[in-house]
N, C-alpha and C. Protein backbone atom coordinates (compact mmCIF):
# COMPACT_ATOMS: atom_id res chain seq x y z
N MET A 1 -48.64 -33.22 168.36
CA MET A 1 -47.87 -32.87 167.19
C MET A 1 -48.70 -31.93 166.31
N GLU A 2 -48.03 -30.97 165.70
CA GLU A 2 -48.72 -30.04 164.83
C GLU A 2 -49.13 -30.71 163.53
N GLU A 3 -50.17 -30.16 162.90
CA GLU A 3 -50.68 -30.74 161.65
C GLU A 3 -49.62 -30.74 160.56
N ASN A 4 -48.85 -29.65 160.45
CA ASN A 4 -47.80 -29.58 159.42
C ASN A 4 -46.75 -30.66 159.63
N THR A 5 -46.40 -30.91 160.87
CA THR A 5 -45.42 -31.94 161.19
C THR A 5 -45.95 -33.32 160.80
N LEU A 6 -47.21 -33.56 161.09
CA LEU A 6 -47.82 -34.84 160.73
C LEU A 6 -47.90 -35.01 159.22
N THR A 7 -48.23 -33.94 158.52
CA THR A 7 -48.30 -33.98 157.06
C THR A 7 -46.93 -34.28 156.47
N ASP A 8 -45.90 -33.60 156.98
CA ASP A 8 -44.54 -33.85 156.50
C ASP A 8 -44.10 -35.28 156.80
N LEU A 9 -44.44 -35.77 157.96
CA LEU A 9 -44.10 -37.14 158.34
C LEU A 9 -44.80 -38.15 157.43
N ALA A 10 -46.06 -37.89 157.12
CA ALA A 10 -46.80 -38.79 156.24
C ALA A 10 -46.20 -38.80 154.83
N ARG A 11 -45.85 -37.62 154.32
CA ARG A 11 -45.25 -37.56 152.97
C ARG A 11 -43.90 -38.27 152.95
N SER A 12 -43.10 -38.06 153.98
CA SER A 12 -41.79 -38.71 154.03
C SER A 12 -41.91 -40.23 154.14
N THR A 13 -42.87 -40.68 154.92
CA THR A 13 -43.11 -42.11 155.06
C THR A 13 -43.57 -42.72 153.75
N LYS A 14 -44.47 -42.02 153.06
CA LYS A 14 -44.95 -42.50 151.77
C LYS A 14 -43.80 -42.56 150.76
N ALA A 15 -42.95 -41.54 150.76
CA ALA A 15 -41.81 -41.52 149.85
C ALA A 15 -40.87 -42.69 150.13
N LEU A 16 -40.62 -42.96 151.40
CA LEU A 16 -39.75 -44.08 151.77
C LEU A 16 -40.34 -45.40 151.31
N LEU A 17 -41.63 -45.57 151.49
CA LEU A 17 -42.30 -46.80 151.05
C LEU A 17 -42.21 -46.95 149.53
N LEU A 18 -42.43 -45.87 148.80
CA LEU A 18 -42.34 -45.94 147.34
C LEU A 18 -40.93 -46.29 146.88
N VAL A 19 -39.93 -45.74 147.56
CA VAL A 19 -38.54 -46.06 147.21
C VAL A 19 -38.25 -47.53 147.46
N GLN A 20 -38.75 -48.05 148.58
CA GLN A 20 -38.54 -49.47 148.90
C GLN A 20 -39.23 -50.37 147.87
N LEU A 21 -40.45 -50.02 147.49
CA LEU A 21 -41.16 -50.80 146.46
C LEU A 21 -40.44 -50.71 145.13
N GLN A 22 -39.91 -49.54 144.82
CA GLN A 22 -39.19 -49.32 143.57
C GLN A 22 -37.96 -50.22 143.51
N ALA A 23 -37.30 -50.39 144.64
CA ALA A 23 -36.10 -51.23 144.68
C ALA A 23 -36.43 -52.69 144.35
N GLN A 24 -37.67 -53.09 144.58
CA GLN A 24 -38.10 -54.45 144.30
C GLN A 24 -38.50 -54.65 142.83
N ALA A 25 -38.76 -53.55 142.13
CA ALA A 25 -39.25 -53.62 140.75
C ALA A 25 -38.12 -54.01 139.79
N PRO A 26 -38.48 -54.66 138.70
CA PRO A 26 -37.47 -54.96 137.67
C PRO A 26 -36.87 -53.65 137.14
N PRO A 27 -35.60 -53.65 136.76
CA PRO A 27 -34.94 -52.42 136.31
C PRO A 27 -35.68 -51.67 135.20
N ASP A 28 -36.30 -52.38 134.28
CA ASP A 28 -36.98 -51.71 133.17
C ASP A 28 -38.32 -51.09 133.57
N GLU A 29 -38.76 -51.32 134.79
CA GLU A 29 -40.03 -50.77 135.26
C GLU A 29 -39.85 -49.69 136.33
N ARG A 30 -38.63 -49.32 136.62
CA ARG A 30 -38.36 -48.34 137.67
C ARG A 30 -38.62 -46.92 137.19
N GLU A 31 -39.08 -46.09 138.13
CA GLU A 31 -39.35 -44.69 137.84
C GLU A 31 -38.21 -43.82 138.36
N LYS A 32 -38.11 -42.61 137.82
CA LYS A 32 -37.12 -41.66 138.29
C LYS A 32 -37.46 -41.25 139.71
N PRO A 33 -36.45 -40.91 140.50
CA PRO A 33 -36.70 -40.49 141.89
C PRO A 33 -37.65 -39.31 141.99
N GLU A 34 -37.55 -38.36 141.06
CA GLU A 34 -38.43 -37.19 141.12
C GLU A 34 -39.90 -37.58 140.92
N VAL A 35 -40.15 -38.59 140.13
CA VAL A 35 -41.52 -39.05 139.91
C VAL A 35 -42.05 -39.72 141.19
N LEU A 36 -41.21 -40.52 141.82
CA LEU A 36 -41.62 -41.16 143.07
C LEU A 36 -41.94 -40.12 144.14
N LEU A 37 -41.09 -39.12 144.25
CA LEU A 37 -41.32 -38.08 145.26
C LEU A 37 -42.57 -37.27 144.95
N ALA A 38 -42.84 -37.03 143.68
CA ALA A 38 -44.07 -36.32 143.30
C ALA A 38 -45.29 -37.17 143.67
N ARG A 39 -45.22 -38.47 143.45
CA ARG A 39 -46.32 -39.36 143.83
C ARG A 39 -46.55 -39.36 145.34
N ALA A 40 -45.49 -39.07 146.10
CA ALA A 40 -45.60 -39.01 147.56
C ALA A 40 -46.17 -37.66 148.02
N GLY A 41 -46.31 -36.71 147.09
CA GLY A 41 -46.93 -35.44 147.45
C GLY A 41 -45.99 -34.25 147.54
N PHE A 42 -44.74 -34.43 147.15
CA PHE A 42 -43.81 -33.31 147.18
C PHE A 42 -43.94 -32.47 145.92
N ALA A 43 -43.73 -31.17 146.07
CA ALA A 43 -43.77 -30.23 144.94
C ALA A 43 -42.44 -30.26 144.20
N ALA A 44 -42.47 -29.84 142.94
CA ALA A 44 -41.26 -29.84 142.12
C ALA A 44 -40.14 -29.02 142.77
N ARG A 45 -40.49 -27.92 143.41
CA ARG A 45 -39.50 -27.08 144.09
C ARG A 45 -38.82 -27.86 145.22
N GLU A 46 -39.61 -28.57 146.01
CA GLU A 46 -39.06 -29.36 147.11
C GLU A 46 -38.18 -30.50 146.59
N ILE A 47 -38.65 -31.15 145.54
CA ILE A 47 -37.91 -32.26 144.94
C ILE A 47 -36.59 -31.76 144.38
N GLY A 48 -36.62 -30.62 143.71
CA GLY A 48 -35.40 -30.03 143.18
C GLY A 48 -34.37 -29.76 144.27
N GLN A 49 -34.85 -29.24 145.39
CA GLN A 49 -33.95 -28.98 146.51
C GLN A 49 -33.36 -30.28 147.06
N MET A 50 -34.20 -31.30 147.20
CA MET A 50 -33.74 -32.58 147.74
C MET A 50 -32.70 -33.24 146.84
N LEU A 51 -32.95 -33.18 145.53
CA LEU A 51 -32.10 -33.90 144.58
C LEU A 51 -31.01 -33.05 143.95
N GLY A 52 -31.01 -31.75 144.26
CA GLY A 52 -30.03 -30.85 143.65
C GLY A 52 -30.28 -30.63 142.18
N LYS A 53 -31.56 -30.61 141.80
CA LYS A 53 -31.93 -30.42 140.40
C LYS A 53 -32.76 -29.15 140.25
N ASN A 54 -32.78 -28.63 139.04
CA ASN A 54 -33.59 -27.47 138.73
C ASN A 54 -35.07 -27.84 138.84
N PRO A 55 -35.87 -27.07 139.58
CA PRO A 55 -37.30 -27.39 139.72
C PRO A 55 -38.04 -27.48 138.39
N ALA A 56 -37.64 -26.68 137.41
CA ALA A 56 -38.29 -26.74 136.09
C ALA A 56 -38.00 -28.08 135.41
N ALA A 57 -36.77 -28.57 135.55
CA ALA A 57 -36.41 -29.87 134.98
C ALA A 57 -37.16 -30.99 135.69
N VAL A 58 -37.31 -30.86 137.00
CA VAL A 58 -38.07 -31.84 137.78
C VAL A 58 -39.52 -31.86 137.31
N ALA A 59 -40.10 -30.68 137.16
CA ALA A 59 -41.50 -30.59 136.72
C ALA A 59 -41.68 -31.22 135.34
N LYS A 60 -40.71 -31.02 134.46
CA LYS A 60 -40.78 -31.59 133.11
C LYS A 60 -40.70 -33.12 133.16
N SER A 61 -39.83 -33.66 134.01
CA SER A 61 -39.73 -35.12 134.15
C SER A 61 -41.02 -35.71 134.67
N ILE A 62 -41.64 -35.02 135.62
CA ILE A 62 -42.90 -35.48 136.18
C ILE A 62 -43.99 -35.43 135.11
N GLN A 63 -44.00 -34.36 134.34
CA GLN A 63 -44.99 -34.21 133.27
C GLN A 63 -44.83 -35.33 132.22
N ARG A 64 -43.60 -35.58 131.83
CA ARG A 64 -43.35 -36.64 130.83
C ARG A 64 -43.77 -38.01 131.36
N ALA A 65 -43.51 -38.27 132.62
CA ALA A 65 -43.89 -39.56 133.21
C ALA A 65 -45.40 -39.70 133.22
N GLY A 66 -46.11 -38.62 133.44
CA GLY A 66 -47.57 -38.66 133.44
C GLY A 66 -48.12 -38.97 132.06
N LYS A 67 -47.48 -38.45 131.02
CA LYS A 67 -47.93 -38.70 129.65
C LYS A 67 -47.64 -40.14 129.23
N ALA A 68 -46.54 -40.70 129.77
CA ALA A 68 -46.16 -42.07 129.41
C ALA A 68 -47.04 -43.10 130.10
N ALA A 69 -47.63 -42.69 131.20
CA ALA A 69 -48.44 -43.66 131.98
C ALA A 69 -49.76 -43.96 131.34
């Protein structure tokens, strides 16, 4: 397998794990999907494409979540 394919597979697996863990969290402790995907290693542009959101809005949500943490 190519390195890029392995990297993409690892990021996707990490994102899936984070989503599963998020589903177990109490509602008041859950993070936005864009924040979870950023934690998995996806760029704002990629997240925007996945979620149908503007990449600038995604980047702002990620930035705000970082300040709140």
